[in-house]
Amino acid sequence: MIKNCLLLIIVFLVSTCKPNENKVDDRIWKDYNILWIVADDLGKDLGYYGNDLVYTPNLNKFASESVVYDNLYTTTAVCSPSRSGLITGTYPVTIGVQQHRTQFKKKLPDSIKPITEYFKEAGYFVTNGNGDKNAKKGKTDYNFVHESKQMYQGVHWNERTQGQKFFSQIQIFYPHRPFHADSIHPINPNLIKLPPYYPNLPLVRKDWALYLETVQHVDESMGKIMQQLERDGLLDKTIIFFFGDQGRPHARAKQFLYDSGTNTPLMVRYPGGYKAGTVSNELVSNIDIPLATLALANINIPNYIQGQDFLSEDVEREYVFTMRDRRDETVDRIRAVRSKKFKYIKNYYTDVPYTQYNTYKEMRYPVLPLMHVMLEEGKLNDAQKQFMGSYRPAEELYDLENDPFEINNVANDEKYKETLKNLRNVLTEWVKKNDLGTYPEAQEEIKVAQEEATNRRKRMLRERNLPENVTYRQLVEYWEKKLLGE
């Protein structure tokens, strides 16, 4: 308890110090441009992170010139709440933006502003695009009322006044589904190494191979962005962050709180080769990124921002917190806390399966209907059946050092009794302080989400020439024909 209190005091002091000076080796970076490059649904499946199948030369080079972080975890595993937290520096559940793609959006509280406003006030030119100077605006997907034209002054840094500093975001759509094959550097599905909670079958390997090929398109985009910066004479005048908005777009990953859904790359490249090639294993939350970015610019940090300055050598996290609520039409509530060694998950809805129906995932993820069929046929092993059960435990605890795939729930193991108690208390206190959302969500929001999902399902089935009462077997046959040519 004393340790936790001290941690809260440290967080408070860091978030309220004025002015903020970045403590990275006592260097001040306030005269540099800052660029965020955000990939959509990217797991740590890059060559630099150890995947020898994927061809990512541009990102490998960028990593060698950067500080690389192994342990970035996003606050959620789906884009709209993750991005809402990222642009405000707050947990989505604290400001009521935790539900995925709300239709009846509300304004942010008067005391809270997107960090873009602080950069504009400091004289930066603020943009959001896809990297091309002739581009359209980039993805926002915020769960609060906003006007992109007010938040962002343009889509590319080349629109700024000559010599003006910029804070820019570039949104890379890849590797979001649907996947895109890479005909130049195809990946052999037979060489794929699947997590043990997936069946090792041709359809699953092909889907994973296409994901990795789509990751290679992220690399292509990264190469073009770096070339543009170099042509514009800005490469050595810009601090560049590269990260994902959440983890992999796969079953038991996206939308869920296992590491596969929340762990994404993070690299920070400073001008002049500063700290190039450094690797950090400290825990980082993606709501730490906005605070650290403001600190780099020497902009005063608002009191409400909940992140920590992970670039400071004086501050290091003990825990990261993640959360799940409604995703599309699927109502849920899960909270989790992770240390370097353990993950504790609290499931609030224990009477529904992990795989309660979700149109997007059932229609877009070949693995889900396949696993439903295999479950019916009794062909799943114990690791695979766990996610397909008809209910879920109230608590999950994973020993991450010995069980990195989070398969063996040790919540009822006497050996881990004290660890369970400690992490349960940590999460309970965090929820009391930070989880300020309204539960249950307004029924009108759920109704709209359900109607949209129903219409989407009908549309997708028509496009695939499948009946409205389609079976899982028919969906599998569709994917086998589409991906395997069978």
Protein backbone atom coordinates (compact mmCIF):
# COMPACT_ATOMS: atom_id res chain seq x y z
CA MET A 1 0.00 0.00 0.00
CA ILE A 2 2.85 2.40 0.88
CA LYS A 3 4.55 1.63 -2.41
CA ASN A 4 1.34 2.32 -4.34
CA CYS A 5 0.82 5.62 -2.50
CA LEU A 6 4.35 6.70 -3.35
CA LEU A 7 3.74 5.81 -6.98
CA LEU A 8 0.60 7.97 -7.06
CA ILE A 9 2.52 10.86 -5.51
CA ILE A 10 5.23 10.53 -8.16
CA VAL A 11 2.61 10.48 -10.94
CA PHE A 12 0.96 13.60 -9.50
CA LEU A 13 4.23 15.51 -9.25
CA VAL A 14 5.31 14.57 -12.75
CA SER A 15 1.95 15.56 -14.23
CA THR A 16 1.79 18.97 -12.50
CA CYS A 17 5.36 20.29 -12.70
CA LYS A 18 5.58 23.65 -14.52
CA PRO A 19 7.38 24.24 -16.74
CA ASN A 20 8.24 20.73 -17.92
CA GLU A 21 11.74 20.07 -19.10
CA ASN A 22 12.35 16.77 -20.80
CA LYS A 23 14.90 14.88 -18.75
CA VAL A 24 16.33 12.72 -21.52
CA ASP A 25 19.98 13.31 -20.69
CA ASP A 26 19.07 16.89 -19.70
CA ARG A 27 18.59 17.84 -23.35
CA ILE A 28 15.83 20.24 -24.35
CA TRP A 29 14.05 19.43 -27.59
CA LYS A 30 11.57 22.31 -27.66
CA ASP A 31 12.95 23.73 -30.90
CA TYR A 32 12.35 20.54 -32.88
CA ASN A 33 9.37 19.34 -34.86
CA ILE A 34 7.47 16.32 -33.52
CA LEU A 35 5.87 13.62 -35.66
CA TRP A 36 3.66 10.71 -34.64
CA ILE A 37 3.39 7.85 -37.14
CA VAL A 38 0.50 5.58 -36.11
CA ALA A 39 -0.16 2.17 -37.70
CA ASP A 40 -3.65 0.67 -37.41
CA ASP A 41 -3.81 -2.74 -35.63
CA LEU A 42 -0.09 -3.49 -35.52
CA GLY A 43 1.37 -6.21 -33.33
CA LYS A 44 5.10 -6.49 -32.66
CA ASP A 45 5.52 -8.49 -35.86
CA LEU A 46 8.52 -6.70 -37.34
CA GLY A 47 11.96 -7.90 -38.28
CA TYR A 48 13.60 -5.79 -35.59
CA TYR A 49 11.38 -7.36 -32.93
CA GLY A 50 12.48 -10.83 -33.99
CA ASN A 51 10.10 -11.96 -36.73
CA ASP A 52 12.46 -13.29 -39.41
CA LEU A 53 9.65 -13.97 -41.92
CA VAL A 54 8.48 -10.40 -42.35
CA TYR A 55 10.38 -8.06 -44.69
CA THR A 56 10.60 -4.66 -42.97
CA PRO A 57 13.90 -3.03 -44.00
CA ASN A 58 12.69 0.54 -43.50
CA LEU A 59 11.39 -0.12 -40.01
CA ASN A 60 14.50 -2.13 -39.15
CA LYS A 61 16.63 0.86 -40.16
CA PHE A 62 14.37 3.23 -38.25
CA ALA A 63 14.63 1.01 -35.16
CA SER A 64 18.44 1.02 -35.38
CA GLU A 65 18.29 4.83 -35.28
CA SER A 66 15.79 4.97 -32.42
CA VAL A 67 15.11 4.10 -28.82
CA VAL A 68 13.02 0.90 -29.09
CA TYR A 69 10.47 0.02 -26.41
CA ASP A 70 9.49 -3.62 -25.94
CA ASN A 71 6.60 -3.07 -23.54
CA LEU A 72 4.13 -0.52 -24.89
CA TYR A 73 0.55 -1.52 -24.02
CA THR A 74 -2.48 0.40 -25.21
CA THR A 75 -5.30 1.33 -22.83
CA THR A 76 -7.76 -0.54 -25.02
CA ALA A 77 -7.55 -3.01 -27.90
CA VAL A 78 -9.76 -1.19 -30.37
CA CYS A 79 -9.17 2.04 -32.22
CA SER A 80 -11.75 4.67 -31.21
CA PRO A 81 -11.28 4.59 -27.39
CA SER A 82 -7.55 4.02 -27.81
CA ARG A 83 -7.21 7.06 -30.06
CA SER A 84 -9.53 9.11 -27.82
CA GLY A 85 -7.25 8.43 -24.86
CA LEU A 86 -4.14 9.07 -26.92
CA ILE A 87 -5.23 12.53 -28.06
CA THR A 88 -6.38 13.61 -24.58
CA GLY A 89 -3.78 11.92 -22.39
CA THR A 90 -6.51 10.38 -20.22
CA TYR A 91 -7.92 6.92 -19.69
CA PRO A 92 -11.01 6.53 -21.90
CA VAL A 93 -13.08 5.37 -18.90
CA THR A 94 -12.23 8.53 -16.99
CA ILE A 95 -13.77 10.91 -19.51
CA GLY A 96 -16.58 8.65 -20.79
CA VAL A 97 -15.16 7.79 -24.23
CA GLN A 98 -14.61 4.07 -23.62
CA GLN A 99 -17.42 2.65 -25.76
CA HIS A 100 -16.46 1.89 -29.36
CA ARG A 101 -17.72 4.44 -31.89
CA THR A 102 -20.46 6.13 -29.97
CA GLN A 103 -23.14 7.72 -32.16
CA PHE A 104 -24.44 10.24 -29.63
CA LYS A 105 -21.12 11.89 -28.88
CA LYS A 106 -20.69 14.42 -26.10
CA LYS A 107 -18.27 17.28 -25.73
CA LEU A 108 -15.19 16.83 -23.62
CA PRO A 109 -15.42 18.30 -20.12
CA ASP A 110 -14.59 22.02 -20.14
CA SER A 111 -11.32 21.41 -18.32
CA ILE A 112 -10.03 18.90 -20.89
CA LYS A 113 -8.69 19.67 -24.35
CA PRO A 114 -7.03 17.56 -27.03
CA ILE A 115 -3.28 18.02 -26.84
CA THR A 116 -3.38 19.53 -30.32
CA GLU A 117 -4.73 22.71 -28.68
CA TYR A 118 -1.68 23.05 -26.46
CA PHE A 119 0.63 22.68 -29.45
CA LYS A 120 -1.27 25.32 -31.42
CA GLU A 121 -1.11 27.68 -28.43
CA ALA A 122 2.66 27.10 -28.33
CA GLY A 123 2.97 28.14 -31.98
CA TYR A 124 3.22 24.72 -33.64
CA PHE A 125 1.50 23.97 -36.94
CA VAL A 126 -0.69 20.95 -36.19
CA THR A 127 -1.61 18.41 -38.88
CA ASN A 128 -3.14 14.97 -39.38
CA GLY A 129 -2.81 13.09 -42.68
CA ASN A 130 -1.35 9.99 -44.29
CA GLY A 131 2.09 11.36 -45.13
CA ASP A 132 1.50 12.43 -48.71
CA LYS A 133 1.65 16.22 -49.07
CA ASN A 134 -1.40 16.02 -51.34
CA ALA A 135 -3.23 13.75 -48.91
CA LYS A 136 -6.66 13.88 -47.37
CA LYS A 137 -7.05 14.19 -43.61
CA GLY A 138 -5.98 11.22 -41.50
CA LYS A 139 -8.03 8.96 -39.26
CA THR A 140 -9.29 10.43 -35.99
CA ASP A 141 -12.11 8.15 -34.76
CA TYR A 142 -12.56 10.06 -31.50
CA ASN A 143 -15.52 9.27 -29.24
CA PHE A 144 -16.24 12.90 -28.41
CA VAL A 145 -17.63 15.85 -30.34
CA HIS A 146 -14.85 17.39 -32.40
CA GLU A 147 -14.23 19.25 -35.62
CA SER A 148 -11.14 18.04 -37.48
CA LYS A 149 -10.74 21.48 -39.08
CA GLN A 150 -10.57 23.01 -35.62
CA MET A 151 -8.26 20.38 -34.12
CA TYR A 152 -5.91 20.27 -37.10
CA GLN A 153 -4.67 23.12 -39.26
CA GLY A 154 -3.84 20.92 -42.23
CA VAL A 155 -2.91 17.44 -43.44
CA HIS A 156 0.82 17.94 -44.08
CA TRP A 157 3.67 19.92 -42.57
CA ASN A 158 4.39 21.51 -45.96
CA GLU A 159 1.29 23.68 -45.45
CA ARG A 160 2.89 25.56 -42.59
CA THR A 161 4.52 28.97 -42.64
CA GLN A 162 8.19 28.75 -43.58
CA GLY A 163 10.28 27.96 -40.53
CA GLN A 164 7.27 27.21 -38.30
CA LYS A 165 7.58 24.19 -36.01
CA PHE A 166 5.05 21.43 -36.50
CA PHE A 167 3.36 18.69 -34.50
CA SER A 168 2.10 16.23 -37.08
CA GLN A 169 0.37 12.87 -37.11
CA ILE A 170 0.50 10.39 -39.97
CA GLN A 171 -2.07 7.61 -39.95
CA ILE A 172 -1.12 4.39 -41.75
CA PHE A 173 -4.21 2.26 -42.40
CA TYR A 174 -2.26 -1.01 -42.56
CA PRO A 175 -2.31 -3.72 -41.25
CA HIS A 176 -6.02 -3.28 -40.52
CA ARG A 177 -8.28 -5.84 -42.20
CA PRO A 178 -9.00 -6.56 -44.99
CA PHE A 179 -5.43 -7.70 -45.55
CA HIS A 180 -3.46 -6.89 -48.69
CA ALA A 181 -1.07 -9.38 -50.23
CA ASP A 182 2.50 -8.39 -51.02
CA SER A 183 3.34 -9.93 -54.40
CA ILE A 184 6.94 -8.69 -54.27
CA HIS A 185 7.75 -10.28 -50.90
CA PRO A 186 5.19 -13.07 -50.40
CA ILE A 187 5.30 -15.05 -47.16
CA ASN A 188 5.12 -18.83 -47.24
CA PRO A 189 2.19 -19.90 -45.01
CA ASN A 190 3.95 -23.19 -44.28
CA LEU A 191 6.66 -21.27 -42.41
CA ILE A 192 4.24 -19.46 -40.13
CA LYS A 193 4.65 -20.00 -36.38
CA LEU A 194 1.20 -19.68 -34.87
CA PRO A 195 0.35 -19.03 -31.22
CA PRO A 196 -0.76 -22.29 -29.55
CA TYR A 197 -4.32 -21.04 -29.02
CA TYR A 198 -4.94 -21.26 -32.80
CA PRO A 199 -5.35 -24.51 -34.75
CA ASN A 200 -2.36 -25.13 -36.98
CA LEU A 201 -4.31 -25.49 -40.22
CA PRO A 202 -3.80 -24.11 -43.77
CA LEU A 203 -6.59 -21.52 -43.51
CA VAL A 204 -5.19 -20.10 -40.27
CA ARG A 205 -1.62 -20.01 -41.59
CA LYS A 206 -2.73 -18.29 -44.79
CA ASP A 207 -4.67 -15.63 -42.91
CA TRP A 208 -1.64 -14.99 -40.69
CA ALA A 209 0.69 -14.84 -43.70
CA LEU A 210 -1.56 -12.21 -45.30
CA TYR A 211 -1.44 -10.22 -42.07
CA LEU A 212 2.36 -10.27 -42.17
CA GLU A 213 2.35 -9.26 -45.82
CA THR A 214 0.10 -6.33 -44.87
CA VAL A 215 2.63 -5.40 -42.19
CA GLN A 216 5.15 -5.17 -45.02
CA HIS A 217 2.95 -2.45 -46.56
CA VAL A 218 3.38 -0.52 -43.30
CA ASP A 219 7.09 -0.74 -43.98
CA GLU A 220 6.64 0.62 -47.50
CA SER A 221 4.68 3.57 -46.13
CA MET A 222 7.37 4.18 -43.53
CA GLY A 223 10.03 4.31 -46.23
CA LYS A 224 8.07 6.94 -48.17
CA ILE A 225 7.56 9.08 -45.06
CA MET A 226 11.25 9.05 -44.21
CA GLN A 227 12.17 9.92 -47.80
CA GLN A 228 9.74 12.85 -47.69
CA LEU A 229 11.27 14.18 -44.47
CA GLU A 230 14.73 13.87 -45.95
CA ARG A 231 13.73 15.65 -49.20
CA ASP A 232 12.18 18.43 -47.13
CA GLY A 233 15.37 18.80 -45.08
CA LEU A 234 13.50 17.91 -41.89
CA LEU A 235 14.88 14.52 -40.89
CA ASP A 236 17.42 15.97 -38.48
CA LYS A 237 14.99 18.59 -37.21
CA THR A 238 12.19 16.23 -36.20
CA ILE A 239 11.61 13.83 -33.30
CA ILE A 240 9.69 10.88 -34.69
CA PHE A 241 7.44 8.45 -32.76
CA PHE A 242 6.32 5.23 -34.44
CA PHE A 243 3.69 3.07 -32.75
CA GLY A 244 0.39 1.23 -33.26
CA ASP A 245 -3.03 2.22 -31.98
CA GLN A 246 -3.43 -1.34 -30.60
CA GLY A 247 -2.27 -4.89 -31.25
CA ARG A 248 -3.00 -7.54 -33.86
CA PRO A 249 -6.28 -7.77 -35.82
CA HIS A 250 -6.79 -11.42 -34.93
CA ALA A 251 -9.11 -13.54 -32.80
CA ARG A 252 -8.25 -13.40 -29.08
CA ALA A 253 -6.23 -10.27 -29.83
CA LYS A 254 -8.05 -7.15 -31.06
CA GLN A 255 -10.83 -6.10 -28.65
CA PHE A 256 -9.43 -8.30 -25.85
CA LEU A 257 -6.94 -7.54 -23.09
CA TYR A 258 -4.35 -10.24 -23.72
CA ASP A 259 -0.96 -8.95 -24.78
CA SER A 260 -1.62 -9.88 -28.40
CA GLY A 261 -4.38 -7.24 -28.44
CA THR A 262 -2.60 -4.47 -26.56
CA ASN A 263 1.15 -4.87 -27.15
CA THR A 264 2.38 -2.81 -30.10
CA PRO A 265 5.75 -1.44 -31.25
CA LEU A 266 7.08 1.87 -30.00
CA MET A 267 10.16 3.57 -31.39
CA VAL A 268 11.36 7.12 -30.78
CA ARG A 269 13.95 8.58 -33.14
CA TYR A 270 15.83 11.68 -32.07
CA PRO A 271 17.83 13.88 -34.43
CA GLY A 272 21.58 13.41 -34.62
CA GLY A 273 21.59 9.72 -33.70
CA TYR A 274 20.90 10.46 -30.04
CA LYS A 275 20.56 7.16 -28.13
CA ALA A 276 20.25 5.28 -31.43
CA GLY A 277 19.89 1.53 -31.01
CA THR A 278 18.88 1.69 -27.34
CA VAL A 279 16.34 -0.90 -26.23
CA SER A 280 14.10 -0.35 -23.20
CA ASN A 281 11.99 -2.95 -21.43
CA GLU A 282 10.18 -0.47 -19.17
CA LEU A 283 6.39 -0.58 -19.09
CA VAL A 284 4.74 2.14 -21.16
CA SER A 285 1.05 2.95 -21.65
CA ASN A 286 -0.03 4.75 -24.79
CA ILE A 287 -1.49 7.54 -22.65
CA ASP A 288 2.14 8.21 -21.66
CA ILE A 289 2.90 9.24 -25.23
CA PRO A 290 0.97 12.56 -25.19
CA LEU A 291 2.47 13.61 -21.86
CA ALA A 292 5.99 12.78 -23.02
CA THR A 293 5.37 14.63 -26.29
CA LEU A 294 4.23 17.77 -24.49
CA ALA A 295 7.28 17.52 -22.24
CA LEU A 296 9.60 17.30 -25.26
CA ALA A 297 8.12 20.56 -26.51
CA ASN A 298 8.57 22.11 -23.05
CA ILE A 299 4.82 22.72 -22.85
CA ASN A 300 3.26 22.85 -19.39
CA ILE A 301 1.43 19.62 -18.57
CA PRO A 302 -2.25 20.04 -17.58
CA ASN A 303 -3.07 18.55 -14.17
CA TYR A 304 -5.69 16.14 -15.54
CA ILE A 305 -3.36 14.25 -17.87
CA GLN A 306 -2.90 10.75 -16.44
CA GLY A 307 0.17 9.50 -18.25
CA GLN A 308 3.78 9.47 -17.16
CA ASP A 309 6.86 10.82 -18.89
CA PHE A 310 8.39 7.54 -20.03
CA LEU A 311 11.24 9.47 -21.66
CA SER A 312 12.35 10.67 -18.23
CA GLU A 313 14.89 8.54 -16.45
CA ASP A 314 13.33 9.56 -13.12
CA VAL A 315 9.97 7.86 -13.70
CA GLU A 316 9.18 4.22 -14.37
CA ARG A 317 5.84 2.44 -14.32
CA GLU A 318 5.05 -0.50 -12.08
CA TYR A 319 1.75 -1.25 -13.83
CA VAL A 320 -0.19 -0.61 -17.02
CA PHE A 321 -4.00 -0.71 -17.09
CA THR A 322 -6.22 -1.81 -19.94
CA MET A 323 -9.97 -1.94 -20.46
CA ARG A 324 -12.73 -3.27 -22.70
CA ASP A 325 -16.32 -2.12 -22.99
CA ARG A 326 -18.87 -2.28 -25.82
CA ARG A 327 -17.24 -3.13 -29.11
CA ASP A 328 -19.62 -2.43 -31.98
CA GLU A 329 -22.88 -4.15 -30.95
CA THR A 330 -21.20 -6.44 -28.40
CA VAL A 331 -21.74 -5.23 -24.82
CA ASP A 332 -18.94 -6.15 -22.44
CA ARG A 333 -16.84 -4.92 -19.55
CA ILE A 334 -13.34 -6.17 -18.72
CA ARG A 335 -10.51 -4.50 -16.80
CA ALA A 336 -6.89 -5.60 -16.46
CA VAL A 337 -3.64 -4.64 -14.80
CA ARG A 338 -0.24 -5.82 -15.97
CA SER A 339 3.15 -5.74 -14.30
CA LYS A 340 6.28 -6.98 -16.00
CA LYS A 341 5.70 -10.48 -14.64
CA PHE A 342 1.94 -10.91 -14.23
CA LYS A 343 -1.41 -10.05 -15.82
CA TYR A 344 -4.65 -9.87 -13.81
CA ILE A 345 -7.98 -9.67 -15.68
CA LYS A 346 -11.39 -9.03 -14.14
CA ASN A 347 -14.40 -10.14 -16.20
CA TYR A 348 -17.59 -8.37 -15.17
CA TYR A 349 -19.85 -10.45 -17.46
CA THR A 350 -19.07 -14.04 -16.55
CA ASP A 351 -22.29 -15.49 -17.96
CA VAL A 352 -21.43 -14.76 -21.59
CA PRO A 353 -18.66 -16.30 -23.72
CA TYR A 354 -15.57 -14.47 -24.89
CA THR A 355 -16.93 -15.06 -28.37
CA GLN A 356 -20.39 -13.57 -27.81
CA TYR A 357 -21.51 -12.55 -31.26
CA ASN A 358 -19.73 -9.66 -32.97
CA THR A 359 -20.55 -9.10 -36.63
CA TYR A 360 -17.24 -7.51 -37.53
CA LYS A 361 -15.16 -10.34 -36.11
CA GLU A 362 -17.43 -13.17 -37.23
CA MET A 363 -17.49 -11.81 -40.80
CA ARG A 364 -13.86 -10.63 -41.10
CA TYR A 365 -11.87 -13.22 -39.13
CA PRO A 366 -11.64 -16.64 -40.84
CA VAL A 367 -10.32 -18.24 -37.66
CA LEU A 368 -13.49 -17.62 -35.61
CA PRO A 369 -15.98 -19.63 -37.69
CA LEU A 370 -13.33 -22.30 -38.14
CA MET A 371 -12.88 -22.64 -34.39
CA HIS A 372 -16.65 -22.76 -33.89
CA VAL A 373 -16.83 -25.68 -36.32
CA MET A 374 -13.88 -27.43 -34.70
CA LEU A 375 -15.43 -26.95 -31.25
CA GLU A 376 -18.65 -28.61 -32.43
CA GLU A 377 -16.61 -31.47 -33.88
CA GLY A 378 -14.49 -31.89 -30.73
CA LYS A 379 -11.25 -31.07 -32.56
CA LEU A 380 -9.88 -28.24 -30.39
CA ASN A 381 -7.21 -28.90 -27.80
CA ASP A 382 -7.36 -27.50 -24.26
CA ALA A 383 -5.47 -24.28 -25.11
CA GLN A 384 -7.82 -23.59 -28.03
CA LYS A 385 -11.06 -24.52 -26.23
CA GLN A 386 -10.43 -22.02 -23.44
CA PHE A 387 -11.41 -19.01 -25.57
CA MET A 388 -14.41 -20.80 -27.08
CA GLY A 389 -16.17 -21.71 -23.85
CA SER A 390 -19.76 -20.72 -23.05
CA TYR A 391 -18.76 -18.68 -20.01
CA ARG A 392 -15.64 -17.11 -18.51
CA PRO A 393 -14.13 -16.89 -15.05
CA ALA A 394 -14.52 -13.80 -12.92
CA GLU A 395 -10.76 -13.54 -12.59
CA GLU A 396 -7.78 -14.49 -14.73
CA LEU A 397 -4.17 -14.43 -13.62
CA TYR A 398 -1.22 -15.21 -15.86
CA ASP A 399 2.42 -15.78 -15.02
CA LEU A 400 3.83 -14.01 -18.08
CA GLU A 401 7.40 -15.19 -17.64
CA ASN A 402 6.36 -18.84 -17.75
CA ASP A 403 3.21 -18.43 -19.83
CA PRO A 404 3.72 -15.64 -22.40
CA PHE A 405 0.68 -16.74 -24.47
CA GLU A 406 -1.62 -16.34 -21.43
CA ILE A 407 -3.12 -19.82 -21.62
CA ASN A 408 -2.79 -21.15 -18.07
CA ASN A 409 -5.06 -19.21 -15.72
CA VAL A 410 -3.48 -19.55 -12.25
CA ALA A 411 -6.08 -17.47 -10.38
CA ASN A 412 -7.06 -20.53 -8.32
CA ASP A 413 -3.51 -21.74 -7.77
CA GLU A 414 -2.50 -21.46 -4.11
CA LYS A 415 1.07 -20.71 -5.20
CA TYR A 416 -0.09 -17.38 -6.64
CA LYS A 417 -2.45 -16.43 -3.82
CA GLU A 418 -0.53 -13.33 -2.73
CA THR A 419 0.09 -12.17 -6.29
CA LEU A 420 -3.62 -12.48 -7.05
CA LYS A 421 -4.57 -10.56 -3.91
CA ASN A 422 -2.10 -7.77 -4.64
CA LEU A 423 -3.08 -7.26 -8.28
CA ARG A 424 -6.78 -7.51 -7.44
CA ASN A 425 -6.31 -4.71 -4.91
CA VAL A 426 -4.27 -2.61 -7.34
CA LEU A 427 -6.97 -2.90 -10.01
CA THR A 428 -9.79 -2.28 -7.53
CA GLU A 429 -8.18 0.96 -6.35
CA TRP A 430 -7.48 2.05 -9.92
CA VAL A 431 -11.11 1.41 -10.92
CA LYS A 432 -12.40 3.42 -7.93
CA LYS A 433 -10.23 6.39 -8.84
CA ASN A 434 -10.26 6.35 -12.64
CA ASP A 435 -13.21 4.34 -13.95
CA LEU A 436 -15.82 7.10 -14.05
CA GLY A 437 -17.87 5.92 -17.02
CA THR A 438 -21.63 5.37 -16.94
CA TYR A 439 -22.80 1.74 -16.63
CA PRO A 440 -24.90 0.44 -18.14
CA GLU A 441 -24.49 2.48 -21.28
CA ALA A 442 -27.57 4.29 -22.62
CA GLN A 443 -29.81 1.80 -24.40
CA GLU A 444 -30.16 4.10 -27.42
CA GLU A 445 -26.42 3.73 -28.09
CA ILE A 446 -26.60 -0.05 -27.93
CA LYS A 447 -29.67 -0.10 -30.16
CA VAL A 448 -27.99 1.97 -32.87
CA ALA A 449 -24.89 -0.24 -32.73
CA GLN A 450 -27.03 -3.36 -33.04
CA GLU A 451 -28.94 -1.98 -36.00
CA GLU A 452 -25.74 -0.98 -37.76
CA ALA A 453 -24.26 -4.43 -37.15
CA THR A 454 -27.37 -6.13 -38.48
CA ASN A 455 -27.28 -4.07 -41.66
CA ARG A 456 -23.57 -4.67 -42.06
CA ARG A 457 -24.04 -8.41 -41.72
CA LYS A 458 -26.81 -8.47 -44.34
CA ARG A 459 -24.70 -6.40 -46.72
CA MET A 460 -21.62 -8.60 -46.32
CA LEU A 461 -23.61 -11.80 -46.78
CA ARG A 462 -25.15 -10.44 -49.98
CA GLU A 463 -21.71 -9.49 -51.28
CA ARG A 464 -20.52 -13.05 -50.59
CA ASN A 465 -23.63 -14.71 -52.01
CA LEU A 466 -24.33 -16.33 -48.66
CA PRO A 467 -27.77 -16.82 -47.04
CA GLU A 468 -28.89 -14.79 -44.03
CA ASN A 469 -29.06 -18.00 -41.98
CA VAL A 470 -25.46 -18.80 -42.91
CA THR A 471 -23.76 -21.51 -40.84
CA TYR A 472 -20.23 -21.47 -39.50
CA ARG A 473 -19.42 -24.30 -41.89
CA GLN A 474 -20.56 -22.17 -44.85
CA LEU A 475 -18.40 -19.28 -43.65
CA VAL A 476 -15.39 -21.58 -43.43
CA GLU A 477 -16.06 -22.84 -46.94
CA TYR A 478 -16.25 -19.23 -48.16
CA TRP A 479 -12.87 -18.39 -46.61
CA GLU A 480 -11.24 -21.59 -47.85
CA LYS A 481 -12.32 -20.78 -51.37
CA LYS A 482 -11.25 -17.14 -51.09
CA LEU A 483 -7.89 -17.66 -49.40
CA LEU A 484 -6.90 -21.19 -50.39
CA GLY A 485 -8.66 -21.57 -53.72
CA GLU A 486 -10.44 -24.68 -52.52
